[in-house]
Amino acid sequence: MQCELCDREMAELTAHHLIPRQNTKRKNQDPSPTIEICSACHRQIHTLFDNKHLAAELNSLDKLKNDPQMQRFISWVRKQKSDKRIQVRGSKA
């Protein structure tokens, strides 16, 4: 399986809601579409950005891929082995 953000081949992927579930649950809306990403990319997204920013600004695969902070992480993580546990760093925007 291939991560939709970093394109690495992974044994397992996680579903990332493009609009955080807390936003849709609170309004009794159906969950937003998801993308299948590796746990390193998923953790990095939630380390860098709060749910409000994700819902308003980074609510598509293209927007996530084109964010400068995510681009730096993606270019780095692509070089890492897929079986290696990646430590994420950063602060919320």
PDB file of N, CA and C in Angstrom:
ATOM      1  N   MET A   1       0.844  -1.174   0.000  1.00  0.00           N
ATOM      2  CA  MET A   1       0.000   0.000   0.000  1.00  0.00           C
ATOM      3  C   MET A   1       0.892   1.241   0.000  1.00  0.00           C
ATOM      4  N   GLN A   2       0.451   2.251  -0.706  1.00  0.00           N
ATOM      5  CA  GLN A   2       1.272   3.444  -0.865  1.00  0.00           C
ATOM      6  C   GLN A   2       0.629   4.644  -0.170  1.00  0.00           C
ATOM      7  N   CYS A   3       1.425   5.355   0.618  1.00  0.00           N
ATOM      8  CA  CYS A   3       0.960   6.564   1.293  1.00  0.00           C
ATOM      9  C   CYS A   3       0.636   7.621   0.238  1.00  0.00           C
ATOM     10  N   GLU A   4      -0.529   8.240   0.369  1.00  0.00           N
ATOM     11  CA  GLU A   4      -0.950   9.241  -0.614  1.00  0.00           C
ATOM     12  C   GLU A   4      -0.170  10.554  -0.485  1.00  0.00           C
ATOM     13  N   LEU A   5       0.530  10.755   0.625  1.00  0.00           N
ATOM     14  CA  LEU A   5       1.323  11.976   0.782  1.00  0.00           C
ATOM     15  C   LEU A   5       2.785  11.762   0.397  1.00  0.00           C
ATOM     16  N   CYS A   6       3.442  10.807   1.016  1.00  0.00           N
ATOM     17  CA  CYS A   6       4.885  10.645   0.783  1.00  0.00           C
ATOM     18  C   CYS A   6       5.206   9.597  -0.282  1.00  0.00           C
ATOM     19  N   ASP A   7       4.209   8.857  -0.732  1.00  0.00           N
ATOM     20  CA  ASP A   7       4.375   7.843  -1.787  1.00  0.00           C
ATOM     21  C   ASP A   7       5.228   6.651  -1.385  1.00  0.00           C
ATOM     22  N   ARG A   8       5.517   6.501  -0.072  1.00  0.00           N
ATOM     23  CA  ARG A   8       6.281   5.325   0.356  1.00  0.00           C
ATOM     24  C   ARG A   8       5.365   4.106   0.398  1.00  0.00           C
ATOM     25  N   GLU A   9       5.942   2.945   0.078  1.00  0.00           N
ATOM     26  CA  GLU A   9       5.230   1.677   0.205  1.00  0.00           C
ATOM     27  C   GLU A   9       5.230   1.283   1.675  1.00  0.00           C
ATOM     28  N   MET A  10       4.051   1.045   2.240  1.00  0.00           N
ATOM     29  CA  MET A  10       3.915   0.755   3.660  1.00  0.00           C
ATOM     30  C   MET A  10       3.104  -0.517   3.871  1.00  0.00           C
ATOM     31  N   ALA A  11       3.363  -1.189   4.980  1.00  0.00           N
ATOM     32  CA  ALA A  11       2.581  -2.371   5.326  1.00  0.00           C
ATOM     33  C   ALA A  11       1.175  -1.965   5.761  1.00  0.00           C
ATOM     34  N   GLU A  12       1.076  -0.820   6.446  1.00  0.00           N
ATOM     35  CA  GLU A  12      -0.221  -0.340   6.934  1.00  0.00           C
ATOM     36  C   GLU A  12      -0.359   1.147   6.667  1.00  0.00           C
ATOM     37  N   LEU A  13      -1.587   1.561   6.429  1.00  0.00           N
ATOM     38  CA  LEU A  13      -1.901   2.973   6.273  1.00  0.00           C
ATOM     39  C   LEU A  13      -3.020   3.345   7.241  1.00  0.00           C
ATOM     40  N   THR A  14      -3.144   4.633   7.516  1.00  0.00           N
ATOM     41  CA  THR A  14      -4.228   5.121   8.371  1.00  0.00           C
ATOM     42  C   THR A  14      -5.107   6.062   7.560  1.00  0.00           C
ATOM     43  N   ALA A  15      -6.358   6.170   7.965  1.00  0.00           N
ATOM     44  CA  ALA A  15      -7.293   7.069   7.284  1.00  0.00           C
ATOM     45  C   ALA A  15      -7.230   8.444   7.950  1.00  0.00           C
ATOM     46  N   HIS A  16      -6.968   9.466   7.153  1.00  0.00           N
ATOM     47  CA  HIS A  16      -6.962  10.843   7.651  1.00  0.00           C
ATOM     48  C   HIS A  16      -8.190  11.544   7.093  1.00  0.00           C
ATOM     49  N   HIS A  17      -9.053  12.054   7.984  1.00  0.00           N
ATOM     50  CA  HIS A  17     -10.233  12.811   7.553  1.00  0.00           C
ATOM     51  C   HIS A  17      -9.789  14.192   7.096  1.00  0.00           C
ATOM     52  N   LEU A  18     -10.160  14.563   5.883  1.00  0.00           N
ATOM     53  CA  LEU A  18      -9.730  15.851   5.343  1.00  0.00           C
ATOM     54  C   LEU A  18     -10.349  17.018   6.110  1.00  0.00           C
ATOM     55  N   ILE A  19     -11.522  16.836   6.646  1.00  0.00           N
ATOM     56  CA  ILE A  19     -12.098  17.787   7.604  1.00  0.00           C
ATOM     57  C   ILE A  19     -12.194  17.014   8.908  1.00  0.00           C
ATOM     58  N   PRO A  20     -11.498  17.481   9.949  1.00  0.00           N
ATOM     59  CA  PRO A  20     -11.439  16.712  11.200  1.00  0.00           C
ATOM     60  C   PRO A  20     -12.821  16.293  11.699  1.00  0.00           C
ATOM     61  N   ARG A  21     -12.885  15.087  12.250  1.00  0.00           N
ATOM     62  CA  ARG A  21     -14.160  14.523  12.691  1.00  0.00           C
ATOM     63  C   ARG A  21     -14.826  15.379  13.748  1.00  0.00           C
ATOM     64  N   GLN A  22     -14.042  16.056  14.594  1.00  0.00           N
ATOM     65  CA  GLN A  22     -14.673  16.862  15.632  1.00  0.00           C
ATOM     66  C   GLN A  22     -15.531  17.967  15.003  1.00  0.00           C
ATOM     67  N   ASN A  23     -15.139  18.456  13.829  1.00  0.00           N
ATOM     68  CA  ASN A  23     -15.922  19.489  13.154  1.00  0.00           C
ATOM     69  C   ASN A  23     -17.221  18.933  12.585  1.00  0.00           C
ATOM     70  N   THR A  24     -17.189  17.735  12.019  1.00  0.00           N
ATOM     71  CA  THR A  24     -18.400  17.178  11.413  1.00  0.00           C
ATOM     72  C   THR A  24     -19.315  16.570  12.468  1.00  0.00           C
ATOM     73  N   LYS A  25     -18.754  15.946  13.507  1.00  0.00           N
ATOM     74  CA  LYS A  25     -19.579  15.339  14.564  1.00  0.00           C
ATOM     75  C   LYS A  25     -20.402  16.390  15.289  1.00  0.00           C
ATOM     76  N   ARG A  26     -19.754  17.512  15.608  1.00  0.00           N
ATOM     77  CA  ARG A  26     -20.414  18.575  16.361  1.00  0.00           C
ATOM     78  C   ARG A  26     -21.633  19.104  15.603  1.00  0.00           C
ATOM     79  N   LYS A  27     -21.563  19.102  14.275  1.00  0.00           N
ATOM     80  CA  LYS A  27     -22.650  19.631  13.448  1.00  0.00           C
ATOM     81  C   LYS A  27     -23.569  18.520  12.927  1.00  0.00           C
ATOM     82  N   ASN A  28     -23.396  17.299  13.444  1.00  0.00           N
ATOM     83  CA  ASN A  28     -24.181  16.139  13.000  1.00  0.00           C
ATOM     84  C   ASN A  28     -24.107  15.941  11.489  1.00  0.00           C
ATOM     85  N   GLN A  29     -22.928  16.154  10.937  1.00  0.00           N
ATOM     86  CA  GLN A  29     -22.710  15.951   9.510  1.00  0.00           C
ATOM     87  C   GLN A  29     -22.028  14.603   9.295  1.00  0.00           C
ATOM     88  N   ASP A  30     -22.137  14.105   8.068  1.00  0.00           N
ATOM     89  CA  ASP A  30     -21.428  12.876   7.724  1.00  0.00           C
ATOM     90  C   ASP A  30     -19.929  13.143   7.773  1.00  0.00           C
ATOM     91  N   PRO A  31     -19.140  12.121   8.107  1.00  0.00           N
ATOM     92  CA  PRO A  31     -17.684  12.308   8.101  1.00  0.00           C
ATOM     93  C   PRO A  31     -17.196  12.736   6.720  1.00  0.00           C
ATOM     94  N   SER A  32     -16.118  13.506   6.705  1.00  0.00           N
ATOM     95  CA  SER A  32     -15.558  13.984   5.444  1.00  0.00           C
ATOM     96  C   SER A  32     -14.826  12.853   4.729  1.00  0.00           C
ATOM     97  N   PRO A  33     -14.480  13.077   3.470  1.00  0.00           N
ATOM     98  CA  PRO A  33     -13.670  12.081   2.761  1.00  0.00           C
ATOM     99  C   PRO A  33     -12.335  11.880   3.476  1.00  0.00           C
ATOM    100  N   THR A  34     -11.738  10.728   3.242  1.00  0.00           N
ATOM    101  CA  THR A  34     -10.450  10.424   3.873  1.00  0.00           C
ATOM    102  C   THR A  34      -9.398  10.168   2.804  1.00  0.00           C
ATOM    103  N   ILE A  35      -8.144  10.285   3.238  1.00  0.00           N
ATOM    104  CA  ILE A  35      -7.020   9.861   2.412  1.00  0.00           C
ATOM    105  C   ILE A  35      -6.280   8.792   3.206  1.00  0.00           C
ATOM    106  N   GLU A  36      -5.615   7.881   2.514  1.00  0.00           N
ATOM    107  CA  GLU A  36      -4.873   6.804   3.152  1.00  0.00           C
ATOM    108  C   GLU A  36      -3.405   7.207   3.216  1.00  0.00           C
ATOM    109  N   ILE A  37      -2.917   7.415   4.445  1.00  0.00           N
ATOM    110  CA  ILE A  37      -1.549   7.883   4.624  1.00  0.00           C
ATOM    111  C   ILE A  37      -0.839   7.052   5.690  1.00  0.00           C
ATOM    112  N   CYS A  38       0.488   7.111   5.674  1.00  0.00           N
ATOM    113  CA  CYS A  38       1.273   6.376   6.667  1.00  0.00           C
ATOM    114  C   CYS A  38       1.165   7.076   8.024  1.00  0.00           C
ATOM    115  N   SER A  39       1.501   6.354   9.069  1.00  0.00           N
ATOM    116  CA  SER A  39       1.363   6.925  10.412  1.00  0.00           C
ATOM    117  C   SER A  39       2.309   8.104  10.621  1.00  0.00           C
ATOM    118  N   ALA A  40       3.481   8.103   9.988  1.00  0.00           N
ATOM    119  CA  ALA A  40       4.412   9.229  10.139  1.00  0.00           C
ATOM    120  C   ALA A  40       3.809  10.513   9.573  1.00  0.00           C
ATOM    121  N   CYS A  41       3.250  10.440   8.377  1.00  0.00           N
ATOM    122  CA  CYS A  41       2.610  11.616   7.780  1.00  0.00           C
ATOM    123  C   CYS A  41       1.415  12.051   8.619  1.00  0.00           C
ATOM    124  N   HIS A  42       0.643  11.093   9.097  1.00  0.00           N
ATOM    125  CA  HIS A  42      -0.552  11.400   9.896  1.00  0.00           C
ATOM    126  C   HIS A  42      -0.156  12.128  11.183  1.00  0.00           C
ATOM    127  N   ARG A  43       0.843  11.588  11.868  1.00  0.00           N
ATOM    128  CA  ARG A  43       1.284  12.229  13.117  1.00  0.00           C
ATOM    129  C   ARG A  43       1.855  13.610  12.850  1.00  0.00           C
ATOM    130  N   GLN A  44       2.593  13.756  11.752  1.00  0.00           N
ATOM    131  CA  GLN A  44       3.186  15.062  11.433  1.00  0.00           C
ATOM    132  C   GLN A  44       2.092  16.103  11.165  1.00  0.00           C
ATOM    133  N   ILE A  45       1.061  15.734  10.453  1.00  0.00           N
ATOM    134  CA  ILE A  45      -0.054  16.653  10.190  1.00  0.00           C
ATOM    135  C   ILE A  45      -0.625  17.170  11.498  1.00  0.00           C
ATOM    136  N   HIS A  46      -0.916  16.251  12.419  1.00  0.00           N
ATOM    137  CA  HIS A  46      -1.563  16.654  13.676  1.00  0.00           C
ATOM    138  C   HIS A  46      -0.590  17.300  14.659  1.00  0.00           C
ATOM    139  N   THR A  47       0.706  17.143  14.438  1.00  0.00           N
ATOM    140  CA  THR A  47       1.698  17.851  15.247  1.00  0.00           C
ATOM    141  C   THR A  47       1.809  19.308  14.787  1.00  0.00           C
ATOM    142  N   LEU A  48       1.775  19.513  13.485  1.00  0.00           N
ATOM    143  CA  LEU A  48       1.963  20.856  12.938  1.00  0.00           C
ATOM    144  C   LEU A  48       0.712  21.730  12.990  1.00  0.00           C
ATOM    145  N   PHE A  49      -0.457  21.125  12.815  1.00  0.00           N
ATOM    146  CA  PHE A  49      -1.664  21.922  12.594  1.00  0.00           C
ATOM    147  C   PHE A  49      -2.781  21.538  13.555  1.00  0.00           C
ATOM    148  N   ASP A  50      -3.514  22.546  14.029  1.00  0.00           N
ATOM    149  CA  ASP A  50      -4.686  22.245  14.841  1.00  0.00           C
ATOM    150  C   ASP A  50      -5.867  21.946  13.910  1.00  0.00           C
ATOM    151  N   ASN A  51      -6.920  21.376  14.486  1.00  0.00           N
ATOM    152  CA  ASN A  51      -8.062  20.946  13.683  1.00  0.00           C
ATOM    153  C   ASN A  51      -8.763  22.104  12.981  1.00  0.00           C
ATOM    154  N   LYS A  52      -8.768  23.262  13.602  1.00  0.00           N
ATOM    155  CA  LYS A  52      -9.408  24.429  12.984  1.00  0.00           C
ATOM    156  C   LYS A  52      -8.686  24.806  11.683  1.00  0.00           C
ATOM    157  N   HIS A  53      -7.367  24.819  11.723  1.00  0.00           N
ATOM    158  CA  HIS A  53      -6.564  25.139  10.535  1.00  0.00           C
ATOM    159  C   HIS A  53      -6.735  24.054   9.468  1.00  0.00           C
ATOM    160  N   LEU A  54      -6.732  22.796   9.894  1.00  0.00           N
ATOM    161  CA  LEU A  54      -6.923  21.700   8.935  1.00  0.00           C
ATOM    162  C   LEU A  54      -8.267  21.817   8.223  1.00  0.00           C
ATOM    163  N   ALA A  55      -9.321  22.103   8.979  1.00  0.00           N
ATOM    164  CA  ALA A  55     -10.666  22.195   8.387  1.00  0.00           C
ATOM    165  C   ALA A  55     -10.777  23.370   7.417  1.00  0.00           C
ATOM    166  N   ALA A  56     -10.166  24.500   7.770  1.00  0.00           N
ATOM    167  CA  ALA A  56     -10.316  25.710   6.965  1.00  0.00           C
ATOM    168  C   ALA A  56      -9.336  25.793   5.795  1.00  0.00           C
ATOM    169  N   GLU A  57      -8.099  25.363   6.024  1.00  0.00           N
ATOM    170  CA  GLU A  57      -7.038  25.622   5.047  1.00  0.00           C
ATOM    171  C   GLU A  57      -6.471  24.389   4.346  1.00  0.00           C
ATOM    172  N   LEU A  58      -6.411  23.264   5.036  1.00  0.00           N
ATOM    173  CA  LEU A  58      -5.721  22.086   4.489  1.00  0.00           C
ATOM    174  C   LEU A  58      -6.681  20.908   4.354  1.00  0.00           C
ATOM    175  N   ASN A  59      -7.799  21.149   3.677  1.00  0.00           N
ATOM    176  CA  ASN A  59      -8.877  20.156   3.617  1.00  0.00           C
ATOM    177  C   ASN A  59      -8.916  19.363   2.312  1.00  0.00           C
ATOM    178  N   SER A  60      -7.762  19.257   1.650  1.00  0.00           N
ATOM    179  CA  SER A  60      -7.663  18.401   0.462  1.00  0.00           C
ATOM    180  C   SER A  60      -6.243  17.828   0.390  1.00  0.00           C
ATOM    181  N   LEU A  61      -6.097  16.767  -0.357  1.00  0.00           N
ATOM    182  CA  LEU A  61      -4.783  16.153  -0.532  1.00  0.00           C
ATOM    183  C   LEU A  61      -3.812  17.144  -1.168  1.00  0.00           C
ATOM    184  N   ASP A  62      -4.257  17.870  -2.189  1.00  0.00           N
ATOM    185  CA  ASP A  62      -3.381  18.837  -2.858  1.00  0.00           C
ATOM    186  C   ASP A  62      -2.928  19.943  -1.911  1.00  0.00           C
ATOM    187  N   LYS A  63      -3.835  20.441  -1.091  1.00  0.00           N
ATOM    188  CA  LYS A  63      -3.475  21.509  -0.156  1.00  0.00           C
ATOM    189  C   LYS A  63      -2.459  21.010   0.862  1.00  0.00           C
ATOM    190  N   LEU A  64      -2.619  19.771   1.339  1.00  0.00           N
ATOM    191  CA  LEU A  64      -1.637  19.207   2.270  1.00  0.00           C
ATOM    192  C   LEU A  64      -0.280  19.044   1.591  1.00  0.00           C
ATOM    193  N   LYS A  65      -0.281  18.524   0.367  1.00  0.00           N
ATOM    194  CA  LYS A  65       0.978  18.304  -0.358  1.00  0.00           C
ATOM    195  C   LYS A  65       1.691  19.618  -0.670  1.00  0.00           C
ATOM    196  N   ASN A  66       0.943  20.700  -0.832  1.00  0.00           N
ATOM    197  CA  ASN A  66       1.533  21.978  -1.221  1.00  0.00           C
ATOM    198  C   ASN A  66       1.857  22.887  -0.047  1.00  0.00           C
ATOM    199  N   ASP A  67       1.533  22.482   1.168  1.00  0.00           N
ATOM    200  CA  ASP A  67       1.880  23.287   2.334  1.00  0.00           C
ATOM    201  C   ASP A  67       3.396  23.230   2.531  1.00  0.00           C
ATOM    202  N   PRO A  68       4.054  24.390   2.691  1.00  0.00           N
ATOM    203  CA  PRO A  68       5.523  24.404   2.808  1.00  0.00           C
ATOM    204  C   PRO A  68       6.073  23.529   3.945  1.00  0.00           C
ATOM    205  N   GLN A  69       5.418  23.524   5.092  1.00  0.00           N
ATOM    206  CA  GLN A  69       5.902  22.699   6.207  1.00  0.00           C
ATOM    207  C   GLN A  69       5.786  21.213   5.876  1.00  0.00           C
ATOM    208  N   MET A  70       4.671  20.830   5.255  1.00  0.00           N
ATOM    209  CA  MET A  70       4.494  19.426   4.881  1.00  0.00           C
ATOM    210  C   MET A  70       5.443  19.043   3.746  1.00  0.00           C
ATOM    211  N   GLN A  71       5.712  19.965   2.813  1.00  0.00           N
ATOM    212  CA  GLN A  71       6.634  19.654   1.721  1.00  0.00           C
ATOM    213  C   GLN A  71       8.020  19.319   2.257  1.00  0.00           C
ATOM    214  N   ARG A  72       8.489  20.092   3.251  1.00  0.00           N
ATOM    215  CA  ARG A  72       9.799  19.810   3.851  1.00  0.00           C
ATOM    216  C   ARG A  72       9.807  18.426   4.493  1.00  0.00           C
ATOM    217  N   PHE A  73       8.720  18.110   5.240  1.00  0.00           N
ATOM    218  CA  PHE A  73       8.638  16.808   5.902  1.00  0.00           C
ATOM    219  C   PHE A  73       8.575  15.683   4.866  1.00  0.00           C
ATOM    220  N   ILE A  74       7.736  15.842   3.864  1.00  0.00           N
ATOM    221  CA  ILE A  74       7.556  14.797   2.847  1.00  0.00           C
ATOM    222  C   ILE A  74       8.869  14.523   2.116  1.00  0.00           C
ATOM    223  N   SER A  75       9.586  15.577   1.742  1.00  0.00           N
ATOM    224  CA  SER A  75      10.852  15.344   1.027  1.00  0.00           C
ATOM    225  C   SER A  75      11.855  14.620   1.918  1.00  0.00           C
ATOM    226  N   TRP A  76      11.816  14.866   3.217  1.00  0.00           N
ATOM    227  CA  TRP A  76      12.702  14.162   4.147  1.00  0.00           C
ATOM    228  C   TRP A  76      12.238  12.720   4.373  1.00  0.00           C
ATOM    229  N   VAL A  77      10.950  12.537   4.645  1.00  0.00           N
ATOM    230  CA  VAL A  77      10.454  11.208   5.029  1.00  0.00           C
ATOM    231  C   VAL A  77      10.527  10.219   3.864  1.00  0.00           C
ATOM    232  N   ARG A  78      10.463  10.712   2.636  1.00  0.00           N
ATOM    233  CA  ARG A  78      10.572   9.828   1.462  1.00  0.00           C
ATOM    234  C   ARG A  78      11.885   9.046   1.467  1.00  0.00           C
ATOM    235  N   LYS A  79      12.914   9.603   2.104  1.00  0.00           N
ATOM    236  CA  LYS A  79      14.233   8.968   2.134  1.00  0.00           C
ATOM    237  C   LYS A  79      14.366   7.963   3.275  1.00  0.00           C
ATOM    238  N   GLN A  80      13.356   7.878   4.136  1.00  0.00           N
ATOM    239  CA  GLN A  80      13.424   7.001   5.303  1.00  0.00           C
ATOM    240  C   GLN A  80      12.880   5.615   4.964  1.00  0.00           C
ATOM    241  N   LYS A  81      13.404   4.615   5.634  1.00  0.00           N
ATOM    242  CA  LYS A  81      12.918   3.246   5.436  1.00  0.00           C
ATOM    243  C   LYS A  81      11.488   3.136   5.946  1.00  0.00           C
ATOM    244  N   SER A  82      10.689   2.360   5.239  1.00  0.00           N
ATOM    245  CA  SER A  82       9.271   2.266   5.588  1.00  0.00           C
ATOM    246  C   SER A  82       9.019   1.514   6.889  1.00  0.00           C
ATOM    247  N   ASP A  83       9.984   0.721   7.347  1.00  0.00           N
ATOM    248  CA  ASP A  83       9.774  -0.020   8.598  1.00  0.00           C
ATOM    249  C   ASP A  83      10.332   0.736   9.816  1.00  0.00           C
ATOM    250  N   LYS A  84      10.873   1.917   9.587  1.00  0.00           N
ATOM    251  CA  LYS A  84      11.455   2.714  10.662  1.00  0.00           C
ATOM    252  C   LYS A  84      10.372   3.573  11.322  1.00  0.00           C
ATOM    253  N   ARG A  85      10.359   3.605  12.660  1.00  0.00           N
ATOM    254  CA  ARG A  85       9.432   4.474  13.386  1.00  0.00           C
ATOM    255  C   ARG A  85       9.967   5.902  13.276  1.00  0.00           C
ATOM    256  N   ILE A  86       9.165   6.791  12.706  1.00  0.00           N
ATOM    257  CA  ILE A  86       9.581   8.170  12.466  1.00  0.00           C
ATOM    258  C   ILE A  86       9.143   9.049  13.628  1.00  0.00           C
ATOM    259  N   GLN A  87      10.088   9.801  14.171  1.00  0.00           N
ATOM    260  CA  GLN A  87       9.756  10.768  15.209  1.00  0.00           C
ATOM    261  C   GLN A  87       9.389  12.080  14.531  1.00  0.00           C
ATOM    262  N   VAL A  88       8.229  12.629  14.887  1.00  0.00           N
ATOM    263  CA  VAL A  88       7.787  13.872  14.264  1.00  0.00           C
ATOM    264  C   VAL A  88       8.100  15.041  15.185  1.00  0.00           C
ATOM    265  N   ARG A  89       8.333  16.188  14.553  1.00  0.00           N
ATOM    266  CA  ARG A  89       8.656  17.402  15.310  1.00  0.00           C
ATOM    267  C   ARG A  89       7.897  18.567  14.713  1.00  0.00           C
ATOM    268  N   GLY A  90       7.721  19.588  15.513  1.00  0.00           N
ATOM    269  CA  GLY A  90       7.088  20.800  15.024  1.00  0.00           C
ATOM    270  C   GLY A  90       6.152  21.351  16.069  1.00  0.00           C
ATOM    271  N   SER A  91       5.522  22.442  15.713  1.00  0.00           N
ATOM    272  CA  SER A  91       4.552  23.041  16.622  1.00  0.00           C
ATOM    273  C   SER A  91       3.315  23.427  15.828  1.00  0.00           C
ATOM    274  N   LYS A  92       2.223  23.548  16.512  1.00  0.00           N
ATOM    275  CA  LYS A  92       0.951  23.849  15.841  1.00  0.00           C
ATOM    276  C   LYS A  92       0.980  25.254  15.257  1.00  0.00           C
ATOM    277  N   ALA A  93       0.393  25.363  14.057  1.00  0.00           N
ATOM    278  CA  ALA A  93       0.311  26.661  13.385  1.00  0.00           C
ATOM    279  C   ALA A  93      -0.739  27.538  14.042  1.00  0.00           C
TER     280      ALA A  93
END
